[in-house]
């Protein structure tokens, strides 16, 4: 469907009305009434006489001859390579050059977009991309432990705007303090979660430096060992500065350090999902009146999440039920 210019005086429907009115009135009078030139009115009347209603449709502005256009047989080859081989534009350009049939990568990209094949999901009629979706699955406790840091704002003494309201005097006082450079700062929640049992451990720490991350890793190892996970085979992290440091790499203690692909948080999805649970069910589930109050409650959260909160990955049982050190009646005090 062609898109008409917003200031166009005539559309295909308007041109038909022009033709009908010219049957009973002079062309010059109709042109003056419709605020167009006589030449334009004559053009559409003549096109209707020669081609019928099809003549009232806008014609393509492409030239009749294009000596430098890509040959049709080459376009067919490019389309076949894309459909059958699923090759990218760069690969197609390389293969054509090997056969001495050169075509620029940008030209191939433009042709694929014109053919509707620029995206992999457009190649197959059923929408498949011929890529196998792989799940990151831990085979046993300690197989993969995911680690991440969640940065949250520090709660001022007496509570923030959540405790007093957006426009309360306390909230305005905090905003005035921020404008004077007296910011409350941030708290960094370091978390580690076992990919198999979903057993998780969280600490509130003052920063996300490499030394802090290494110390947290050591305490997390001890905490997991107390639950029967004595050997951690793989530690999965993002590409944060603390995890790229040599001091963190030297603290692996026999574990394999695996960093995810940059800007692909789904590769570390288990800890990302845990951070969301942490935010919804702990950080913002109630009103806190100081940062110390929230920090003291993290130990309670660790017990609640691991021993009392049912988890879908464990058929509705808490994460502690899937650890090597079995825990009996972990739901006894859950309410």
C-alpha atoms as a PDB file:
ATOM      1  CA  UNK A   1       0.000   0.000   0.000  1.00  0.00           C
ATOM      2  CA  UNK A   2       1.450   3.339  -1.053  1.00  0.00           C
ATOM      3  CA  UNK A   3       1.550   6.126   1.488  1.00  0.00           C
ATOM      4  CA  UNK A   4       0.189   9.467   0.313  1.00  0.00           C
ATOM      5  CA  UNK A   5       2.009  12.651   1.208  1.00  0.00           C
ATOM      6  CA  UNK A   6       0.221  14.458   4.022  1.00  0.00           C
ATOM      7  CA  UNK A   7      -0.057  17.665   1.939  1.00  0.00           C
ATOM      8  CA  UNK A   8      -1.072  15.933  -1.295  1.00  0.00           C
ATOM      9  CA  UNK A   9      -4.191  17.615  -2.779  1.00  0.00           C
ATOM     10  CA  UNK A  10      -5.200  14.466  -4.638  1.00  0.00           C
ATOM     11  CA  UNK A  11      -5.398  10.830  -3.588  1.00  0.00           C
ATOM     12  CA  UNK A  12      -6.532   7.975  -5.851  1.00  0.00           C
ATOM     13  CA  UNK A  13     -10.075   8.572  -4.572  1.00  0.00           C
ATOM     14  CA  UNK A  14      -9.771  12.306  -5.236  1.00  0.00           C
ATOM     15  CA  UNK A  15      -8.502  11.650  -8.761  1.00  0.00           C
ATOM     16  CA  UNK A  16     -11.544   9.509  -9.457  1.00  0.00           C
ATOM     17  CA  UNK A  17     -13.793  12.347  -8.278  1.00  0.00           C
ATOM     18  CA  UNK A  18     -11.868  14.683 -10.562  1.00  0.00           C
ATOM     19  CA  UNK A  19     -12.508  12.413 -13.553  1.00  0.00           C
ATOM     20  CA  UNK A  20     -16.214  12.142 -12.778  1.00  0.00           C
ATOM     21  CA  UNK A  21     -16.637  15.899 -12.403  1.00  0.00           C
ATOM     22  CA  UNK A  22     -14.813  16.548 -15.687  1.00  0.00           C
ATOM     23  CA  UNK A  23     -17.509  14.560 -17.513  1.00  0.00           C
ATOM     24  CA  UNK A  24     -20.034  17.340 -16.912  1.00  0.00           C
ATOM     25  CA  UNK A  25     -17.803  20.411 -16.444  1.00  0.00           C
ATOM     26  CA  UNK A  26     -14.816  21.924 -18.273  1.00  0.00           C
ATOM     27  CA  UNK A  27     -11.438  20.734 -17.007  1.00  0.00           C
ATOM     28  CA  UNK A  28     -10.271  24.278 -16.259  1.00  0.00           C
ATOM     29  CA  UNK A  29     -13.275  24.943 -14.007  1.00  0.00           C
ATOM     30  CA  UNK A  30     -12.852  21.686 -12.108  1.00  0.00           C
ATOM     31  CA  UNK A  31      -9.116  22.354 -11.678  1.00  0.00           C
ATOM     32  CA  UNK A  32      -9.809  25.804 -10.226  1.00  0.00           C
ATOM     33  CA  UNK A  33     -12.424  24.419  -7.834  1.00  0.00           C
ATOM     34  CA  UNK A  34     -10.032  21.688  -6.620  1.00  0.00           C
ATOM     35  CA  UNK A  35      -7.057  24.108  -6.323  1.00  0.00           C
ATOM     36  CA  UNK A  36      -4.852  22.270  -8.797  1.00  0.00           C
ATOM     37  CA  UNK A  37      -3.385  23.234 -12.160  1.00  0.00           C
ATOM     38  CA  UNK A  38      -5.143  22.493 -15.426  1.00  0.00           C
ATOM     39  CA  UNK A  39      -2.161  20.419 -16.569  1.00  0.00           C
ATOM     40  CA  UNK A  40      -2.447  18.181 -13.516  1.00  0.00           C
ATOM     41  CA  UNK A  41      -6.177  17.710 -14.054  1.00  0.00           C
ATOM     42  CA  UNK A  42      -5.604  16.825 -17.724  1.00  0.00           C
ATOM     43  CA  UNK A  43      -2.898  14.342 -16.762  1.00  0.00           C
ATOM     44  CA  UNK A  44      -5.179  12.307 -14.541  1.00  0.00           C
ATOM     45  CA  UNK A  45      -8.115  12.486 -16.945  1.00  0.00           C
ATOM     46  CA  UNK A  46      -5.928  11.193 -19.805  1.00  0.00           C
ATOM     47  CA  UNK A  47      -4.436   8.443 -17.663  1.00  0.00           C
ATOM     48  CA  UNK A  48      -7.909   7.276 -16.743  1.00  0.00           C
ATOM     49  CA  UNK A  49      -8.951   7.228 -20.386  1.00  0.00           C
ATOM     50  CA  UNK A  50      -5.875   5.179 -21.371  1.00  0.00           C
ATOM     51  CA  UNK A  51      -5.468   2.799 -18.380  1.00  0.00           C
ATOM     52  CA  UNK A  52      -8.719   2.952 -16.411  1.00  0.00           C
ATOM     53  CA  UNK A  53      -8.627   2.982 -12.594  1.00  0.00           C
ATOM     54  CA  UNK A  54      -5.095   1.559 -12.617  1.00  0.00           C
ATOM     55  CA  UNK A  55      -3.903   4.797 -14.225  1.00  0.00           C
ATOM     56  CA  UNK A  56      -4.975   6.761 -11.122  1.00  0.00           C
ATOM     57  CA  UNK A  57      -2.408   4.981  -8.928  1.00  0.00           C
ATOM     58  CA  UNK A  58       1.023   6.551  -8.392  1.00  0.00           C
ATOM     59  CA  UNK A  59       3.738   5.085 -10.578  1.00  0.00           C
ATOM     60  CA  UNK A  60       7.127   3.967  -9.334  1.00  0.00           C
ATOM     61  CA  UNK A  61       9.855   6.583  -9.475  1.00  0.00           C
ATOM     62  CA  UNK A  62      12.491   3.965 -10.355  1.00  0.00           C
ATOM     63  CA  UNK A  63      14.215   4.504 -13.716  1.00  0.00           C
ATOM     64  CA  UNK A  64      13.326   2.208 -16.602  1.00  0.00           C
ATOM     65  CA  UNK A  65      16.988   1.264 -17.125  1.00  0.00           C
ATOM     66  CA  UNK A  66      19.529   0.587 -14.376  1.00  0.00           C
ATOM     67  CA  UNK A  67      22.821  -0.467 -16.002  1.00  0.00           C
ATOM     68  CA  UNK A  68      24.609  -0.840 -12.635  1.00  0.00           C
ATOM     69  CA  UNK A  69      21.855  -2.857 -10.947  1.00  0.00           C
ATOM     70  CA  UNK A  70      22.699  -6.279  -9.511  1.00  0.00           C
ATOM     71  CA  UNK A  71      21.938  -8.955 -12.144  1.00  0.00           C
ATOM     72  CA  UNK A  72      18.889 -11.081 -11.524  1.00  0.00           C
ATOM     73  CA  UNK A  73      20.818 -14.367 -11.561  1.00  0.00           C
ATOM     74  CA  UNK A  74      23.165 -13.040  -8.869  1.00  0.00           C
ATOM     75  CA  UNK A  75      20.195 -12.020  -6.727  1.00  0.00           C
ATOM     76  CA  UNK A  76      18.835 -15.556  -7.091  1.00  0.00           C
ATOM     77  CA  UNK A  77      22.182 -16.975  -5.917  1.00  0.00           C
ATOM     78  CA  UNK A  78      22.231 -14.663  -2.913  1.00  0.00           C
ATOM     79  CA  UNK A  79      18.679 -15.643  -1.989  1.00  0.00           C
ATOM     80  CA  UNK A  80      19.479 -19.340  -2.348  1.00  0.00           C
ATOM     81  CA  UNK A  81      22.571 -19.047  -0.145  1.00  0.00           C
ATOM     82  CA  UNK A  82      20.573 -17.238   2.506  1.00  0.00           C
ATOM     83  CA  UNK A  83      17.648 -19.656   2.495  1.00  0.00           C
ATOM     84  CA  UNK A  84      19.601 -22.906   2.221  1.00  0.00           C
ATOM     85  CA  UNK A  85      22.818 -22.154   4.086  1.00  0.00           C
ATOM     86  CA  UNK A  86      21.559 -19.456   6.479  1.00  0.00           C
ATOM     87  CA  UNK A  87      24.759 -17.517   5.753  1.00  0.00           C
ATOM     88  CA  UNK A  88      25.270 -13.907   6.812  1.00  0.00           C
ATOM     89  CA  UNK A  89      25.881 -11.089   4.319  1.00  0.00           C
ATOM     90  CA  UNK A  90      29.610 -11.162   5.060  1.00  0.00           C
ATOM     91  CA  UNK A  91      29.809 -14.908   4.403  1.00  0.00           C
ATOM     92  CA  UNK A  92      27.794 -14.598   1.205  1.00  0.00           C
ATOM     93  CA  UNK A  93      30.096 -11.825  -0.032  1.00  0.00           C
ATOM     94  CA  UNK A  94      33.122 -14.007   0.743  1.00  0.00           C
ATOM     95  CA  UNK A  95      31.718 -17.043  -1.080  1.00  0.00           C
ATOM     96  CA  UNK A  96      30.766 -14.981  -4.125  1.00  0.00           C
ATOM     97  CA  UNK A  97      34.244 -13.503  -4.277  1.00  0.00           C
ATOM     98  CA  UNK A  98      35.703 -17.005  -4.322  1.00  0.00           C
ATOM     99  CA  UNK A  99      33.579 -17.694  -7.412  1.00  0.00           C
ATOM    100  CA  UNK A 100      34.650 -14.363  -8.955  1.00  0.00           C
ATOM    101  CA  UNK A 101      31.136 -12.985  -8.704  1.00  0.00           C
ATOM    102  CA  UNK A 102      31.777  -9.964  -6.534  1.00  0.00           C
ATOM    103  CA  UNK A 103      29.058  -8.186  -4.589  1.00  0.00           C
ATOM    104  CA  UNK A 104      29.611  -5.728  -1.781  1.00  0.00           C
ATOM    105  CA  UNK A 105      28.478  -6.743   1.679  1.00  0.00           C
ATOM    106  CA  UNK A 106      26.350  -3.601   1.933  1.00  0.00           C
ATOM    107  CA  UNK A 107      24.668  -4.482  -1.360  1.00  0.00           C
ATOM    108  CA  UNK A 108      23.904  -7.984  -0.108  1.00  0.00           C
ATOM    109  CA  UNK A 109      22.529  -6.579   3.137  1.00  0.00           C
ATOM    110  CA  UNK A 110      20.220  -4.257   1.197  1.00  0.00           C
ATOM    111  CA  UNK A 111      19.059  -7.092  -1.067  1.00  0.00           C
ATOM    112  CA  UNK A 112      18.335  -9.372   1.892  1.00  0.00           C
ATOM    113  CA  UNK A 113      16.249  -6.649   3.509  1.00  0.00           C
ATOM    114  CA  UNK A 114      14.376  -6.128   0.218  1.00  0.00           C
ATOM    115  CA  UNK A 115      13.738  -9.882  -0.027  1.00  0.00           C
ATOM    116  CA  UNK A 116      12.559 -10.019   3.597  1.00  0.00           C
ATOM    117  CA  UNK A 117      15.415 -12.305   4.631  1.00  0.00           C
ATOM    118  CA  UNK A 118      17.464  -9.928   6.747  1.00  0.00           C
ATOM    119  CA  UNK A 119      16.442 -11.663   9.998  1.00  0.00           C
ATOM    120  CA  UNK A 120      16.943 -15.319  10.750  1.00  0.00           C
ATOM    121  CA  UNK A 121      13.369 -15.649  11.986  1.00  0.00           C
ATOM    122  CA  UNK A 122      12.141 -14.558   8.526  1.00  0.00           C
ATOM    123  CA  UNK A 123      13.899 -17.363   6.659  1.00  0.00           C
ATOM    124  CA  UNK A 124      11.661 -20.271   7.612  1.00  0.00           C
ATOM    125  CA  UNK A 125       7.892 -20.092   7.111  1.00  0.00           C
ATOM    126  CA  UNK A 126       7.228 -21.479  10.592  1.00  0.00           C
ATOM    127  CA  UNK A 127       9.455 -18.882  12.221  1.00  0.00           C
ATOM    128  CA  UNK A 128      12.178 -21.277  13.341  1.00  0.00           C
ATOM    129  CA  UNK A 129      15.737 -19.973  13.340  1.00  0.00           C
ATOM    130  CA  UNK A 130      17.515 -23.345  13.071  1.00  0.00           C
ATOM    131  CA  UNK A 131      19.243 -22.567  16.340  1.00  0.00           C
ATOM    132  CA  UNK A 132      18.906 -24.960  19.244  1.00  0.00           C
ATOM    133  CA  UNK A 133      17.963 -23.181  22.446  1.00  0.00           C
ATOM    134  CA  UNK A 134      20.336 -24.473  25.095  1.00  0.00           C
ATOM    135  CA  UNK A 135      19.430 -24.369  28.763  1.00  0.00           C
ATOM    136  CA  UNK A 136      22.073 -23.757  31.393  1.00  0.00           C
ATOM    137  CA  UNK A 137      21.441 -26.762  33.613  1.00  0.00           C
ATOM    138  CA  UNK A 138      23.465 -27.791  36.652  1.00  0.00           C
ATOM    139  CA  UNK A 139      23.798 -31.554  37.007  1.00  0.00           C
ATOM    140  CA  UNK A 140      24.559 -31.734  40.732  1.00  0.00           C
ATOM    141  CA  UNK A 141      25.078 -29.510  43.779  1.00  0.00           C
ATOM    142  CA  UNK A 142      28.222 -27.457  43.356  1.00  0.00           C
ATOM    143  CA  UNK A 143      28.332 -27.964  39.594  1.00  0.00           C
ATOM    144  CA  UNK A 144      27.720 -24.242  38.965  1.00  0.00           C
ATOM    145  CA  UNK A 145      27.576 -21.437  41.513  1.00  0.00           C
ATOM    146  CA  UNK A 146      26.428 -18.078  40.161  1.00  0.00           C
ATOM    147  CA  UNK A 147      27.678 -14.869  41.798  1.00  0.00           C
ATOM    148  CA  UNK A 148      26.529 -11.296  41.286  1.00  0.00           C
ATOM    149  CA  UNK A 149      26.281  -7.897  42.996  1.00  0.00           C
ATOM    150  CA  UNK A 150      23.076  -5.874  43.310  1.00  0.00           C
ATOM    151  CA  UNK A 151      23.530  -2.155  43.985  1.00  0.00           C
ATOM    152  CA  UNK A 152      20.772  -0.576  46.110  1.00  0.00           C
ATOM    153  CA  UNK A 153      20.377   2.838  47.675  1.00  0.00           C
ATOM    154  CA  UNK A 154      21.237   3.229  51.333  1.00  0.00           C
ATOM    155  CA  UNK A 155      18.290   3.980  53.635  1.00  0.00           C
ATOM    156  CA  UNK A 156      18.783   7.146  55.707  1.00  0.00           C
ATOM    157  CA  UNK A 157      18.240   7.030  59.446  1.00  0.00           C
ATOM    158  CA  UNK A 158      14.555   7.441  60.179  1.00  0.00           C
ATOM    159  CA  UNK A 159      13.514   6.048  56.802  1.00  0.00           C
ATOM    160  CA  UNK A 160      13.297   7.448  53.307  1.00  0.00           C
ATOM    161  CA  UNK A 161      10.391   8.564  51.150  1.00  0.00           C
ATOM    162  CA  UNK A 162       8.804   5.117  51.315  1.00  0.00           C
ATOM    163  CA  UNK A 163       8.361   5.536  55.059  1.00  0.00           C
ATOM    164  CA  UNK A 164       7.218   9.187  55.054  1.00  0.00           C
ATOM    165  CA  UNK A 165       5.803   9.809  51.553  1.00  0.00           C
ATOM    166  CA  UNK A 166       7.117  11.510  48.444  1.00  0.00           C
ATOM    167  CA  UNK A 167       6.417  15.128  49.475  1.00  0.00           C
ATOM    168  CA  UNK A 168       6.818  14.732  53.226  1.00  0.00           C
ATOM    169  CA  UNK A 169       9.112  17.107  55.179  1.00  0.00           C
ATOM    170  CA  UNK A 170      11.513  14.222  55.821  1.00  0.00           C
ATOM    171  CA  UNK A 171      11.739  13.373  52.130  1.00  0.00           C
ATOM    172  CA  UNK A 172      12.308  17.023  51.193  1.00  0.00           C
ATOM    173  CA  UNK A 173      15.038  17.292  53.818  1.00  0.00           C
ATOM    174  CA  UNK A 174      16.799  14.292  52.287  1.00  0.00           C
ATOM    175  CA  UNK A 175      16.549  15.867  48.818  1.00  0.00           C
ATOM    176  CA  UNK A 176      18.042  19.118  50.118  1.00  0.00           C
ATOM    177  CA  UNK A 177      20.895  17.183  51.663  1.00  0.00           C
ATOM    178  CA  UNK A 178      21.574  15.480  48.333  1.00  0.00           C
ATOM    179  CA  UNK A 179      21.804  18.841  46.562  1.00  0.00           C
ATOM    180  CA  UNK A 180      24.483  19.876  49.089  1.00  0.00           C
ATOM    181  CA  UNK A 181      26.484  16.753  48.307  1.00  0.00           C
ATOM    182  CA  UNK A 182      25.470  14.851  51.453  1.00  0.00           C
ATOM    183  CA  UNK A 183      24.351  11.707  49.657  1.00  0.00           C
ATOM    184  CA  UNK A 184      23.424   8.585  51.556  1.00  0.00           C
ATOM    185  CA  UNK A 185      25.347   6.357  49.147  1.00  0.00           C
ATOM    186  CA  UNK A 186      24.764   2.747  48.203  1.00  0.00           C
ATOM    187  CA  UNK A 187      24.864  -0.743  49.643  1.00  0.00           C
ATOM    188  CA  UNK A 188      26.150  -3.657  47.570  1.00  0.00           C
ATOM    189  CA  UNK A 189      24.353  -6.963  48.019  1.00  0.00           C
ATOM    190  CA  UNK A 190      26.767  -9.765  47.097  1.00  0.00           C
ATOM    191  CA  UNK A 191      24.906 -13.008  46.403  1.00  0.00           C
ATOM    192  CA  UNK A 192      25.869 -16.542  45.454  1.00  0.00           C
ATOM    193  CA  UNK A 193      23.401 -19.232  44.365  1.00  0.00           C
ATOM    194  CA  UNK A 194      23.888 -22.904  43.626  1.00  0.00           C
ATOM    195  CA  UNK A 195      22.496 -23.644  40.169  1.00  0.00           C
ATOM    196  CA  UNK A 196      21.217 -27.101  41.105  1.00  0.00           C
ATOM    197  CA  UNK A 197      19.544 -26.682  44.494  1.00  0.00           C
ATOM    198  CA  UNK A 198      19.001 -22.861  44.271  1.00  0.00           C
ATOM    199  CA  UNK A 199      20.581 -22.570  47.705  1.00  0.00           C
ATOM    200  CA  UNK A 200      21.524 -18.874  48.024  1.00  0.00           C
ATOM    201  CA  UNK A 201      23.690 -16.765  50.300  1.00  0.00           C
ATOM    202  CA  UNK A 202      23.569 -12.946  50.494  1.00  0.00           C
ATOM    203  CA  UNK A 203      25.617 -10.338  52.332  1.00  0.00           C
ATOM    204  CA  UNK A 204      25.331  -6.530  52.461  1.00  0.00           C
ATOM    205  CA  UNK A 205      28.805  -5.078  51.870  1.00  0.00           C
ATOM    206  CA  UNK A 206      30.060  -1.475  51.508  1.00  0.00           C
ATOM    207  CA  UNK A 207      31.541  -1.778  47.992  1.00  0.00           C
ATOM    208  CA  UNK A 208      32.101  -4.069  45.030  1.00  0.00           C
ATOM    209  CA  UNK A 209      35.903  -4.042  44.917  1.00  0.00           C
ATOM    210  CA  UNK A 210      37.867  -7.143  44.059  1.00  0.00           C
ATOM    211  CA  UNK A 211      39.112  -7.571  47.633  1.00  0.00           C
ATOM    212  CA  UNK A 212      35.519  -7.454  48.900  1.00  0.00           C
ATOM    213  CA  UNK A 213      34.370  -9.947  46.259  1.00  0.00           C
ATOM    214  CA  UNK A 214      37.197 -12.352  47.138  1.00  0.00           C
ATOM    215  CA  UNK A 215      36.379 -12.189  50.847  1.00  0.00           C
ATOM    216  CA  UNK A 216      32.704 -12.801  50.096  1.00  0.00           C
ATOM    217  CA  UNK A 217      33.603 -15.798  47.919  1.00  0.00           C
ATOM    218  CA  UNK A 218      35.549 -17.321  50.812  1.00  0.00           C
ATOM    219  CA  UNK A 219      32.639 -16.905  53.238  1.00  0.00           C
ATOM    220  CA  UNK A 220      30.208 -18.256  50.615  1.00  0.00           C
ATOM    221  CA  UNK A 221      32.373 -21.370  50.184  1.00  0.00           C
ATOM    222  CA  UNK A 222      32.240 -21.966  53.933  1.00  0.00           C
ATOM    223  CA  UNK A 223      28.484 -21.421  53.995  1.00  0.00           C
ATOM    224  CA  UNK A 224      27.908 -23.853  51.122  1.00  0.00           C
ATOM    225  CA  UNK A 225      30.254 -26.398  52.743  1.00  0.00           C
ATOM    226  CA  UNK A 226      28.129 -26.321  55.900  1.00  0.00           C
ATOM    227  CA  UNK A 227      25.230 -27.461  53.697  1.00  0.00           C
ATOM    228  CA  UNK A 228      27.167 -30.334  52.131  1.00  0.00           C
ATOM    229  CA  UNK A 229      28.406 -28.521  48.997  1.00  0.00           C
ATOM    230  CA  UNK A 230      32.108 -28.933  49.672  1.00  0.00           C
ATOM    231  CA  UNK A 231      33.369 -28.727  46.077  1.00  0.00           C
ATOM    232  CA  UNK A 232      32.409 -25.954  43.652  1.00  0.00           C
ATOM    233  CA  UNK A 233      33.300 -26.956  40.119  1.00  0.00           C
ATOM    234  CA  UNK A 234      32.404 -23.779  38.248  1.00  0.00           C
ATOM    235  CA  UNK A 235      31.867 -20.155  39.338  1.00  0.00           C
ATOM    236  CA  UNK A 236      29.795 -18.098  36.899  1.00  0.00           C
ATOM    237  CA  UNK A 237      29.957 -14.288  37.027  1.00  0.00           C
ATOM    238  CA  UNK A 238      29.370 -11.318  34.788  1.00  0.00           C
ATOM    239  CA  UNK A 239      32.175  -9.093  33.499  1.00  0.00           C
ATOM    240  CA  UNK A 240      32.264  -6.624  36.378  1.00  0.00           C
ATOM    241  CA  UNK A 241      35.600  -5.077  37.309  1.00  0.00           C
ATOM    242  CA  UNK A 242      35.806  -7.027  40.557  1.00  0.00           C
ATOM    243  CA  UNK A 243      35.417 -10.321  38.700  1.00  0.00           C
ATOM    244  CA  UNK A 244      38.006  -9.428  36.051  1.00  0.00           C
ATOM    245  CA  UNK A 245      40.663  -8.679  38.660  1.00  0.00           C
ATOM    246  CA  UNK A 246      43.614 -11.007  39.022  1.00  0.00           C
ATOM    247  CA  UNK A 247      42.988 -11.305  42.763  1.00  0.00           C
ATOM    248  CA  UNK A 248      39.562 -12.806  42.105  1.00  0.00           C
ATOM    249  CA  UNK A 249      40.972 -15.207  39.498  1.00  0.00           C
ATOM    250  CA  UNK A 250      43.584 -16.301  42.054  1.00  0.00           C
ATOM    251  CA  UNK A 251      40.875 -17.151  44.572  1.00  0.00           C
ATOM    252  CA  UNK A 252      39.268 -19.918  42.508  1.00  0.00           C
ATOM    253  CA  UNK A 253      40.833 -22.681  44.639  1.00  0.00           C
ATOM    254  CA  UNK A 254      40.411 -25.295  41.925  1.00  0.00           C
ATOM    255  CA  UNK A 255      37.095 -23.995  40.566  1.00  0.00           C
ATOM    256  CA  UNK A 256      36.694 -22.954  36.953  1.00  0.00           C
ATOM    257  CA  UNK A 257      35.876 -19.260  36.545  1.00  0.00           C
ATOM    258  CA  UNK A 258      33.393 -18.689  33.731  1.00  0.00           C
ATOM    259  CA  UNK A 259      32.438 -15.137  32.725  1.00  0.00           C
ATOM    260  CA  UNK A 260      29.286 -14.720  30.674  1.00  0.00           C
ATOM    261  CA  UNK A 261      29.134 -13.140  27.237  1.00  0.00           C
ATOM    262  CA  UNK A 262      29.168  -9.324  27.591  1.00  0.00           C
ATOM    263  CA  UNK A 263      25.723  -7.671  27.685  1.00  0.00           C
ATOM    264  CA  UNK A 264      24.020 -11.076  27.940  1.00  0.00           C
ATOM    265  CA  UNK A 265      22.649 -11.302  31.492  1.00  0.00           C
ATOM    266  CA  UNK A 266      20.448 -14.292  30.601  1.00  0.00           C
ATOM    267  CA  UNK A 267      23.596 -16.447  30.636  1.00  0.00           C
ATOM    268  CA  UNK A 268      23.671 -15.758  34.362  1.00  0.00           C
ATOM    269  CA  UNK A 269      19.914 -16.009  34.644  1.00  0.00           C
ATOM    270  CA  UNK A 270      19.684 -17.928  37.928  1.00  0.00           C
ATOM    271  CA  UNK A 271      21.341 -15.183  39.955  1.00  0.00           C
ATOM    272  CA  UNK A 272      19.446 -12.499  38.016  1.00  0.00           C
ATOM    273  CA  UNK A 273      16.162 -14.195  38.920  1.00  0.00           C
ATOM    274  CA  UNK A 274      17.275 -14.461  42.516  1.00  0.00           C
ATOM    275  CA  UNK A 275      18.037 -10.722  42.556  1.00  0.00           C
ATOM    276  CA  UNK A 276      14.488 -10.074  41.421  1.00  0.00           C
ATOM    277  CA  UNK A 277      13.102 -12.287  44.190  1.00  0.00           C
ATOM    278  CA  UNK A 278      15.370 -10.480  46.642  1.00  0.00           C
ATOM    279  CA  UNK A 279      14.002  -7.107  45.530  1.00  0.00           C
ATOM    280  CA  UNK A 280      10.328  -8.093  45.487  1.00  0.00           C
ATOM    281  CA  UNK A 281      10.197 -10.173  48.661  1.00  0.00           C
ATOM    282  CA  UNK A 282      12.829  -8.518  50.841  1.00  0.00           C
ATOM    283  CA  UNK A 283      14.167  -5.110  49.780  1.00  0.00           C
ATOM    284  CA  UNK A 284      10.838  -3.488  48.913  1.00  0.00           C
ATOM    285  CA  UNK A 285       8.394  -5.848  50.606  1.00  0.00           C
ATOM    286  CA  UNK A 286       8.219  -3.722  53.756  1.00  0.00           C
ATOM    287  CA  UNK A 287       9.205  -0.286  54.998  1.00  0.00           C
ATOM    288  CA  UNK A 288      12.669   0.010  56.545  1.00  0.00           C
ATOM    289  CA  UNK A 289      13.565   2.844  58.914  1.00  0.00           C
ATOM    290  CA  UNK A 290      17.346   2.562  58.688  1.00  0.00           C
ATOM    291  CA  UNK A 291      20.022   0.783  56.718  1.00  0.00           C
ATOM    292  CA  UNK A 292      21.155  -1.042  59.829  1.00  0.00           C
ATOM    293  CA  UNK A 293      17.668  -2.457  60.298  1.00  0.00           C
ATOM    294  CA  UNK A 294      17.674  -3.861  56.768  1.00  0.00           C
ATOM    295  CA  UNK A 295      21.221  -5.191  57.080  1.00  0.00           C
ATOM    296  CA  UNK A 296      20.327  -7.040  60.294  1.00  0.00           C
ATOM    297  CA  UNK A 297      17.381  -8.675  58.510  1.00  0.00           C
ATOM    298  CA  UNK A 298      19.521 -10.245  55.771  1.00  0.00           C
ATOM    299  CA  UNK A 299      20.406 -13.205  58.022  1.00  0.00           C
ATOM    300  CA  UNK A 300      16.697 -13.788  58.550  1.00  0.00           C
ATOM    301  CA  UNK A 301      16.154 -13.570  54.792  1.00  0.00           C
ATOM    302  CA  UNK A 302      18.836 -16.207  54.166  1.00  0.00           C
ATOM    303  CA  UNK A 303      17.059 -18.571  56.548  1.00  0.00           C
ATOM    304  CA  UNK A 304      13.623 -17.801  55.133  1.00  0.00           C
ATOM    305  CA  UNK A 305      14.632 -18.246  51.487  1.00  0.00           C
ATOM    306  CA  UNK A 306      16.647 -21.419  51.963  1.00  0.00           C
ATOM    307  CA  UNK A 307      14.623 -23.240  54.637  1.00  0.00           C
ATOM    308  CA  UNK A 308      11.026 -22.027  54.424  1.00  0.00           C
ATOM    309  CA  UNK A 309      10.263 -20.465  51.040  1.00  0.00           C
ATOM    310  CA  UNK A 310       8.998 -23.032  48.476  1.00  0.00           C
ATOM    311  CA  UNK A 311      10.821 -22.974  45.143  1.00  0.00           C
ATOM    312  CA  UNK A 312       9.416 -24.092  41.796  1.00  0.00           C
ATOM    313  CA  UNK A 313      12.727 -25.658  40.729  1.00  0.00           C
ATOM    314  CA  UNK A 314      12.455 -28.068  43.687  1.00  0.00           C
ATOM    315  CA  UNK A 315       8.828 -29.131  43.136  1.00  0.00           C
ATOM    316  CA  UNK A 316       7.594 -26.655  45.721  1.00  0.00           C
ATOM    317  CA  UNK A 317      10.203 -27.538  48.341  1.00  0.00           C
ATOM    318  CA  UNK A 318      12.751 -25.076  49.808  1.00  0.00           C
ATOM    319  CA  UNK A 319      16.280 -25.063  48.337  1.00  0.00           C
ATOM    320  CA  UNK A 320      17.738 -26.694  51.483  1.00  0.00           C
ATOM    321  CA  UNK A 321      15.766 -29.865  50.704  1.00  0.00           C
ATOM    322  CA  UNK A 322      17.984 -30.530  47.648  1.00  0.00           C
ATOM    323  CA  UNK A 323      21.363 -30.176  49.317  1.00  0.00           C
ATOM    324  CA  UNK A 324      23.629 -33.148  50.103  1.00  0.00           C
ATOM    325  CA  UNK A 325      23.100 -32.487  53.821  1.00  0.00           C
ATOM    326  CA  UNK A 326      19.424 -33.300  54.088  1.00  0.00           C
ATOM    327  CA  UNK A 327      17.222 -31.107  56.249  1.00  0.00           C
ATOM    328  CA  UNK A 328      14.046 -32.537  57.752  1.00  0.00           C
ATOM    329  CA  UNK A 329      10.809 -30.604  58.272  1.00  0.00           C
ATOM    330  CA  UNK A 330      12.126 -27.406  56.723  1.00  0.00           C
ATOM    331  CA  UNK A 331       8.565 -26.119  56.283  1.00  0.00           C
ATOM    332  CA  UNK A 332       7.549 -26.570  59.922  1.00  0.00           C
ATOM    333  CA  UNK A 333       7.730 -22.867  60.805  1.00  0.00           C
ATOM    334  CA  UNK A 334       6.716 -21.442  57.444  1.00  0.00           C
ATOM    335  CA  UNK A 335       3.727 -19.118  57.565  1.00  0.00           C
END
